Protein backbone atom coordinates (compact mmCIF):
# COMPACT_ATOMS: atom_id res chain seq x y z
CA MET A 1 19.11 -39.18 -0.91
CA LEU A 2 17.87 -36.85 1.73
CA LYS A 3 18.29 -33.90 -0.57
CA LEU A 4 16.51 -35.73 -3.32
CA LEU A 5 13.50 -36.47 -1.04
CA SER A 6 13.38 -32.80 0.06
CA THR A 7 13.37 -31.72 -3.52
CA ILE A 8 10.57 -34.14 -4.37
CA LEU A 9 8.52 -32.96 -1.39
CA LEU A 10 8.98 -29.31 -2.34
CA LEU A 11 8.02 -29.84 -5.92
CA SER A 12 4.94 -31.79 -4.78
CA SER A 13 3.87 -28.99 -2.47
CA PHE A 14 4.45 -26.53 -5.44
CA VAL A 15 2.34 -28.58 -7.78
CA TYR A 16 -0.45 -29.04 -5.07
CA ALA A 17 -0.42 -25.20 -4.40
CA ASN A 18 -0.80 -24.49 -8.09
CA THR A 19 -3.53 -26.97 -8.59
CA THR A 20 -5.37 -25.68 -5.56
CA GLY A 21 -4.85 -22.11 -6.69
CA GLU A 22 -6.52 -22.82 -10.02
CA LYS A 23 -9.38 -24.50 -8.12
CA ILE A 24 -9.78 -21.47 -5.84
CA ALA A 25 -9.63 -19.09 -8.82
CA ASP A 26 -12.35 -20.96 -10.62
CA PHE A 27 -14.56 -21.26 -7.49
CA LEU A 28 -14.27 -17.56 -6.68
CA GLU A 29 -14.88 -16.57 -10.42
CA ASP A 30 -18.07 -18.69 -10.40
CA LYS A 31 -19.25 -17.19 -7.02
CA PHE A 32 -18.58 -13.58 -8.10
CA SER A 33 -20.29 -14.20 -11.48
CA GLU A 34 -23.57 -14.70 -9.50
CA ASN A 35 -23.65 -11.05 -8.94
CA PRO A 36 -26.34 -9.61 -11.34
CA LYS A 37 -24.55 -6.24 -11.44
CA LEU A 38 -21.48 -7.67 -13.08
CA LYS A 39 -21.09 -8.29 -16.77
CA SER A 40 -17.90 -10.24 -16.63
CA VAL A 41 -15.42 -11.35 -13.99
CA ASP A 42 -11.75 -12.57 -14.22
CA VAL A 43 -10.00 -14.03 -11.12
CA LYS A 44 -6.32 -14.82 -10.91
CA VAL A 45 -4.04 -16.12 -8.05
CA GLU A 46 -1.10 -13.65 -7.89
CA ASP A 47 0.73 -15.24 -4.99
CA VAL A 48 0.54 -18.25 -2.54
CA VAL A 49 1.74 -17.87 1.05
CA PRO A 50 2.03 -20.95 3.28
CA LEU A 51 0.65 -20.47 6.82
CA LYS A 52 3.08 -21.37 9.59
CA GLN A 53 0.16 -21.54 12.13
CA LEU A 54 -1.80 -24.05 9.98
CA PRO A 55 -0.07 -26.92 8.02
CA GLN A 56 -1.79 -27.66 4.71
CA TRP A 57 -3.44 -24.15 4.70
CA ASN A 58 -2.23 -21.33 2.35
CA ALA A 59 -3.08 -17.80 1.88
CA TYR A 60 -3.97 -16.88 -1.73
CA ILE A 61 -3.49 -13.33 -2.93
CA ILE A 62 -6.21 -12.83 -5.45
CA ASP A 63 -6.60 -10.25 -8.32
CA VAL A 64 -10.22 -9.68 -9.40
CA ASN A 65 -11.00 -7.64 -12.57
CA ALA A 66 -14.58 -7.15 -13.43
CA VAL A 67 -16.90 -5.16 -15.75
CA LEU A 68 -20.09 -3.60 -14.28
CA LYS A 69 -23.39 -3.81 -16.33
CA SER A 70 -23.74 -0.16 -17.11
CA LYS A 71 -23.67 2.10 -20.26
CA ALA A 72 -20.02 3.00 -19.61
CA ASN A 73 -19.10 -0.77 -18.90
CA GLN A 74 -17.10 0.55 -15.88
CA ARG A 75 -14.15 -1.63 -15.03
CA ILE A 76 -13.19 -2.39 -11.45
CA HIS A 77 -10.14 -3.98 -9.94
CA GLU A 78 -9.68 -5.34 -6.53
CA ARG A 79 -6.98 -7.41 -4.76
CA MET A 80 -7.94 -9.61 -1.81
CA ILE A 81 -6.76 -12.43 0.26
CA TRP A 82 -8.43 -15.88 0.83
CA PHE A 83 -7.39 -18.84 2.94
CA SER A 84 -7.84 -22.47 1.92
CA ASN A 85 -6.67 -25.92 2.52
CA GLY A 86 -7.96 -27.20 -0.87
CA GLN A 87 -11.29 -28.41 0.69
CA MET A 88 -12.42 -25.28 2.66
CA ILE A 89 -12.14 -21.62 1.94
CA THR A 90 -12.60 -18.57 4.09
CA LYS A 91 -12.04 -14.80 3.84
CA ASP A 92 -10.29 -14.43 7.21
CA LEU A 93 -8.58 -16.45 9.89
CA THR A 94 -7.93 -15.08 13.49
CA ASP A 95 -5.27 -16.40 15.86
CA ILE A 96 -7.13 -17.44 18.97
CA ASN A 97 -4.04 -16.72 21.14
CA THR A 98 -3.26 -13.30 19.93
CA GLY A 99 -6.53 -12.06 18.36
CA GLU A 100 -4.69 -10.96 15.33
CA SER A 101 -6.09 -11.52 11.84
CA LEU A 102 -3.75 -13.56 9.62
CA VAL A 103 -4.65 -11.21 6.75
CA GLU A 104 -2.05 -8.70 8.12
CA SER A 105 0.74 -11.15 8.19
CA VAL A 106 0.36 -12.36 4.60
CA LYS A 107 -0.09 -8.99 2.77
CA PRO A 108 2.15 -8.68 -0.33
CA LYS A 109 5.71 -7.72 0.33
CA VAL A 110 7.37 -4.55 -1.18
CA LYS A 111 9.16 -5.61 -4.47
CA ALA A 112 12.18 -3.91 -6.04
CA LYS A 113 9.83 -2.23 -8.65
CA HIS A 114 8.01 -0.34 -5.86
CA TYR A 115 11.11 1.46 -4.57
CA ALA A 116 10.69 4.33 -7.08
CA THR A 117 13.21 7.14 -7.25
CA SER A 118 10.51 9.71 -7.23
CA ASN A 119 9.36 8.52 -3.87
CA LEU A 120 12.77 8.55 -2.12
CA ILE A 121 12.66 11.52 0.14
CA TYR A 122 15.57 10.78 2.53
CA GLY A 123 18.69 8.61 2.58
CA ASN A 124 20.71 6.76 0.00
CA ALA A 125 18.96 4.27 -2.42
CA ASN A 126 21.81 1.80 -1.34
CA ALA A 127 21.20 2.35 2.29
CA LYS A 128 21.26 -0.87 4.52
CA HIS A 129 17.43 -0.58 5.22
CA LYS A 130 14.58 0.38 3.12
CA VAL A 131 11.46 2.01 4.81
CA VAL A 132 8.18 2.66 2.88
CA ILE A 133 5.58 4.89 4.44
CA PHE A 134 2.02 5.40 3.11
CA SER A 135 0.40 8.44 4.70
CA ASP A 136 -2.39 11.13 4.71
CA PRO A 137 -0.99 14.39 6.12
CA LEU A 138 -4.34 15.15 7.86
CA CYS A 139 -4.72 11.77 9.49
CA PRO A 140 -4.33 12.33 13.32
CA PHE A 141 -2.33 9.04 13.60
CA CYS A 142 0.11 10.06 10.91
CA ARG A 143 0.56 13.56 12.38
CA GLY A 144 1.47 11.88 15.67
CA PHE A 145 3.97 9.34 14.08
CA VAL A 146 5.33 10.38 10.66
CA PRO A 147 7.16 13.66 11.41
CA GLY A 148 9.12 12.09 14.33
CA ALA A 149 9.96 8.97 12.47
CA LEU A 150 11.22 10.96 9.36
CA LYS A 151 13.34 13.24 11.55
CA ASP A 152 14.84 10.12 13.16
CA MET A 153 15.68 8.41 9.89
CA LYS A 154 16.72 11.54 8.18
CA LYS A 155 19.76 11.66 10.52
CA GLU A 156 21.18 8.37 9.21
CA PRO A 157 21.21 8.48 5.36
CA GLN A 158 23.53 5.50 5.02
CA LYS A 159 21.33 3.45 7.22
CA PHE A 160 17.79 4.32 5.95
CA ALA A 161 16.39 4.86 2.53
CA VAL A 162 12.96 6.46 3.11
CA TYR A 163 10.27 6.02 0.43
CA TYR A 164 7.08 8.11 0.89
CA TYR A 165 3.86 7.41 -0.85
CA HIS A 166 0.83 9.73 -0.68
CA PHE A 167 -2.39 7.93 0.40
CA PRO A 168 -5.06 10.59 1.06
CA LEU A 169 -8.19 9.37 2.80
CA VAL A 170 -10.58 11.27 0.55
CA ARG A 171 -13.77 10.43 2.38
CA LEU A 172 -12.42 11.47 5.78
CA HIS A 173 -10.11 14.33 4.78
CA PRO A 174 -11.11 15.85 1.48
CA ALA A 175 -8.63 18.66 2.02
CA SER A 176 -5.83 15.98 1.84
CA VAL A 177 -6.21 15.60 -1.82
CA THR A 178 -5.23 19.22 -2.68
CA LEU A 179 -2.49 19.13 -0.05
CA VAL A 180 -0.77 16.16 -1.65
CA LYS A 181 -1.00 17.63 -5.03
CA ALA A 182 0.62 20.78 -3.77
CA ALA A 183 3.33 18.75 -1.99
CA VAL A 184 4.17 16.91 -5.26
CA ALA A 185 4.11 20.30 -7.21
CA ALA A 186 6.48 21.82 -4.59
CA GLU A 187 8.86 18.89 -4.86
CA LEU A 188 8.86 19.19 -8.68
CA LYS A 189 10.02 22.74 -8.22
CA GLY A 190 12.93 21.52 -6.08
CA VAL A 191 11.54 22.62 -2.65
CA LYS A 192 13.26 20.63 0.23
CA ASP A 193 11.56 18.91 3.29
CA VAL A 194 8.26 19.33 1.73
CA ILE A 195 6.82 16.26 3.47
CA LEU A 196 8.04 17.21 6.91
CA LYS A 197 6.50 20.54 6.72
CA LEU A 198 3.31 19.12 5.25
CA TYR A 199 2.28 17.89 8.68
CA LYS A 200 2.38 21.41 9.88
CA VAL A 201 -0.41 22.63 7.66
CA GLN A 202 -3.29 23.99 9.58
CA ILE A 203 -6.50 23.40 7.70
CA ASN A 204 -9.89 21.75 8.35
CA PRO A 205 -9.69 18.25 6.98
CA ARG A 206 -13.24 18.64 5.53
CA GLU A 207 -12.25 21.86 3.58
CA LYS A 208 -12.94 21.57 -0.10
CA ASP A 209 -11.97 25.05 -1.30
CA ALA A 210 -8.77 24.45 -3.09
CA GLN A 211 -7.56 28.05 -2.87
CA LYS A 212 -8.07 28.10 0.95
CA ILE A 213 -6.13 24.77 1.16
CA LEU A 214 -3.28 26.13 -0.97
CA THR A 215 -3.09 29.28 1.10
CA ALA A 216 -2.58 27.21 4.35
CA PHE A 217 -0.08 25.00 2.45
CA ASN A 218 2.02 27.90 1.15
CA LYS A 219 2.03 29.53 4.65
CA ALA A 220 3.44 26.27 6.35
CA GLU A 221 5.90 25.55 3.32
CA GLY A 222 7.00 29.02 2.52
CA THR A 223 6.09 28.47 -1.17
CA HIS A 224 3.84 29.93 -3.88
CA ILE A 225 2.15 26.96 -5.31
CA THR A 226 -0.83 27.82 -7.48
CA LEU A 227 -3.92 26.06 -8.69
CA LYS A 228 -2.25 25.70 -12.15
CA ASP A 229 0.78 24.07 -10.44
CA ILE A 230 -1.31 21.27 -8.78
CA ASN A 231 -2.94 20.26 -11.95
CA ASN A 232 0.32 19.71 -13.80
CA PRO A 233 0.18 16.43 -15.61
CA LYS A 234 3.36 15.29 -13.87
CA VAL A 235 1.69 15.95 -10.48
CA LEU A 236 -1.34 13.84 -11.37
CA GLN A 237 0.94 11.11 -12.89
CA GLN A 238 2.82 10.86 -9.55
CA LEU A 239 -0.34 10.51 -7.61
CA ARG A 240 -1.79 7.84 -9.90
CA HIS A 241 1.63 5.98 -9.42
CA ASP A 242 1.32 6.18 -5.61
CA LYS A 243 -2.25 4.94 -5.79
CA ARG A 244 -1.39 2.04 -7.94
CA VAL A 245 1.48 0.90 -5.56
CA ALA A 246 -0.98 1.19 -2.63
CA SER A 247 -3.34 -1.06 -4.53
CA GLU A 248 -0.73 -3.66 -5.42
CA LEU A 249 0.36 -3.81 -1.72
CA MET A 250 -3.22 -3.81 -0.51
CA VAL A 251 -2.72 -0.73 1.68
CA GLY A 252 -5.97 0.18 3.41
CA GLY A 253 -5.22 2.71 6.13
CA THR A 254 -2.68 5.24 7.29
CA PRO A 255 0.02 5.29 8.40
CA THR A 256 1.06 1.92 6.85
CA VAL A 257 4.84 1.15 7.19
CA TYR A 258 7.13 -1.39 5.70
CA LEU A 259 10.70 -2.26 6.78
CA ASP A 260 12.93 -4.08 4.24
CA GLY A 261 9.82 -5.20 2.22
CA GLN A 262 7.83 -6.50 5.27
CA ILE A 263 4.71 -4.76 6.74
CA ASP A 264 5.47 -3.39 10.21
CA ASN A 265 2.28 -3.24 12.19
CA THR A 266 4.15 -1.81 15.26
CA LYS A 267 5.59 0.95 13.06
CA LYS A 268 8.58 1.00 15.49
CA LYS A 269 10.87 -1.69 14.13
CA TYR A 270 13.21 0.99 12.50
CA LEU A 271 14.14 1.99 16.11
CA LYS A 272 15.55 -1.42 16.69
CA VAL A 273 17.60 -2.23 13.59
CA LYS A 274 21.37 -2.15 13.97
């Protein structure tokens, strides 16, 4: 009887969440449609995450696809998080005790499809723990964290499978775009430890001269990557893939780290796993 009641309650919650999700999607679609710059808007609820801190409240991961009113009919896509109890809706909630935004705690988890073989740089795919890193090689925080973390995990290939995704912060570090292209090109040529050496490249982050950037890259890596190499369709395809995964996981800054599918805002949980 207790099991039956529990099942009924779970099903009721699921139906309620679905109904509320449709209500929220319709509400947001109507609000976004008020923007005179948009030709059309489509809003869908991709996932619903119950909030432990607030009973009756859920986090809704929303996918927004829109078309701008322009000659080219430019399409835009954005993923965002909204919170609602079915009556009220808000873009953010902050824990008054910790000061932390609940947005970070409900971001999408890494799914099996995101663990791409092309992004596995260290360890065995069947290792006990999977670590995912999004990084910009010219980000000061990344340069202080990523090399050391990679060296630690590289030592234990049966314990850690490390997946690395390029996430150049174009506006802050224009030079990183050419650097990550060069890194992918070098990996396609079979060069080892490309990512570790990538953080040793000495170049002005604001540099835009691709040849100067490549010269600095080749000096640090001991390679001979050319302008032709970095424009290889396979290189561009890999970077589009990395960008798409970052979008699906709502990555917004670097370094962003996941351990076993969950975002790790401390970036140090890998040090504590058994």
